[in-house]
Protein backbone atom coordinates (compact mmCIF):
# COMPACT_ATOMS: atom_id res chain seq x y z
CA UNK A 1 0.00 0.00 0.00
CA UNK A 2 1.35 3.42 -0.91
CA UNK A 3 2.09 6.05 1.71
CA UNK A 4 -0.47 8.35 0.11
CA UNK A 5 -3.29 5.81 0.29
CA UNK A 6 -2.35 4.88 3.86
CA UNK A 7 -2.42 8.55 4.82
CA UNK A 8 -5.83 8.94 3.15
CA UNK A 9 -7.30 5.88 4.85
CA UNK A 10 -6.05 7.02 8.26
CA UNK A 11 -7.11 10.67 7.91
CA UNK A 12 -9.79 11.61 10.43
CA UNK A 13 -13.19 12.56 9.02
CA UNK A 14 -16.21 13.79 10.96
CA UNK A 15 -19.13 11.40 10.45
CA UNK A 16 -21.80 13.56 12.07
CA UNK A 17 -21.10 12.26 15.57
CA UNK A 18 -17.35 11.81 15.93
CA UNK A 19 -14.08 11.77 14.03
CA UNK A 20 -12.88 8.47 12.63
CA UNK A 21 -10.56 7.24 9.87
CA UNK A 22 -11.70 7.84 6.30
CA UNK A 23 -11.12 4.14 5.59
CA UNK A 24 -13.86 3.23 8.07
CA UNK A 25 -16.50 5.43 6.43
CA UNK A 26 -19.47 3.49 5.04
CA UNK A 27 -21.70 4.43 2.11
CA UNK A 28 -24.32 5.49 4.67
CA UNK A 29 -21.75 7.78 6.32
CA UNK A 30 -20.84 9.24 2.93
CA UNK A 31 -24.50 9.84 2.16
CA UNK A 32 -24.86 11.67 5.47
CA UNK A 33 -21.87 13.89 4.72
CA UNK A 34 -23.31 14.70 1.27
CA UNK A 35 -26.67 15.64 2.77
CA UNK A 36 -25.06 17.80 5.43
CA UNK A 37 -22.92 19.69 2.93
CA UNK A 38 -25.79 20.11 0.47
CA UNK A 39 -27.83 21.72 3.24
CA UNK A 40 -25.07 24.29 3.72
CA UNK A 41 -24.95 25.34 0.08
CA UNK A 42 -26.31 28.72 -0.76
CA UNK A 43 -24.92 31.69 -2.59
CA UNK A 44 -21.49 33.25 -2.68
CA UNK A 45 -18.73 31.55 -0.72
CA UNK A 46 -20.91 28.67 0.44
CA UNK A 47 -21.15 27.46 -3.16
CA UNK A 48 -17.57 26.25 -2.74
CA UNK A 49 -18.84 23.22 -0.83
CA UNK A 50 -20.88 22.01 -3.83
CA UNK A 51 -18.05 20.02 -5.47
CA UNK A 52 -17.26 18.35 -2.15
CA UNK A 53 -20.91 17.49 -1.53
CA UNK A 54 -21.18 16.04 -5.02
CA UNK A 55 -17.99 14.01 -4.48
CA UNK A 56 -19.59 12.45 -1.38
CA UNK A 57 -22.63 11.56 -3.52
CA UNK A 58 -20.35 10.01 -6.17
CA UNK A 59 -18.47 8.05 -3.50
CA UNK A 60 -21.75 6.69 -2.12
CA UNK A 61 -22.78 5.46 -5.58
CA UNK A 62 -19.36 4.01 -6.33
CA UNK A 63 -19.28 2.09 -3.06
CA UNK A 64 -22.70 0.61 -3.84
CA UNK A 65 -21.64 -0.33 -7.39
CA UNK A 66 -18.48 -2.05 -6.16
CA UNK A 67 -20.05 -3.66 -3.12
CA UNK A 68 -17.68 -1.85 -0.76
CA UNK A 69 -18.74 -1.90 2.89
CA UNK A 70 -16.19 0.80 3.74
CA UNK A 71 -13.86 3.15 1.88
CA UNK A 72 -10.99 0.79 2.76
CA UNK A 73 -12.61 -1.85 0.53
CA UNK A 74 -11.97 0.31 -2.55
CA UNK A 75 -8.77 0.15 -4.58
CA UNK A 76 -5.87 2.40 -3.58
CA UNK A 77 -6.12 4.85 -6.47
CA UNK A 78 -9.85 5.37 -5.89
CA UNK A 79 -9.20 6.03 -2.19
CA UNK A 80 -6.54 8.62 -3.04
CA UNK A 81 -8.67 10.25 -5.75
CA UNK A 82 -11.67 10.65 -3.46
CA UNK A 83 -9.57 11.77 -0.51
CA UNK A 84 -8.42 14.65 -2.72
CA UNK A 85 -11.90 15.43 -4.09
CA UNK A 86 -13.27 15.46 -0.55
CA UNK A 87 -10.49 17.71 0.77
CA UNK A 88 -9.42 14.97 3.19
CA UNK A 89 -5.81 15.14 2.03
CA UNK A 90 -3.98 17.90 0.21
CA UNK A 91 -2.63 17.13 -3.25
CA UNK A 92 1.16 16.89 -3.07
CA UNK A 93 3.08 19.85 -4.42
CA UNK A 94 0.29 22.30 -3.70
CA UNK A 95 0.61 25.67 -2.02
CA UNK A 96 -0.26 24.05 1.30
CA UNK A 97 2.80 21.80 1.14
CA UNK A 98 5.05 21.83 4.19
CA UNK A 99 8.44 23.18 3.02
CA UNK A 100 10.13 20.93 5.58
CA UNK A 101 8.54 17.84 4.00
CA UNK A 102 8.80 18.12 0.20
CA UNK A 103 6.48 15.73 -1.59
CA UNK A 104 4.48 15.03 1.57
């Protein structure tokens, strides 16, 4: 398993009640996150959550299609891709990169 996918799976995500690893999120949890973020969408700056809300919807559908009980049941690249879409991990090399940890 790559370091990036491990980091994504271990990243803490709020599930509506508590923080837990992204890899433990179920399709039901993802659906809840999508609903919560959709309810926050409005005009102006709050529209920025729309792509994240839609990514949670996509993840829910993908998990159902692939029969994944949790995010950890998905393949590594899918985990990494969705962790980025959902703002769970920062893409490497971005402006948020720690200068002390290049490539992290």
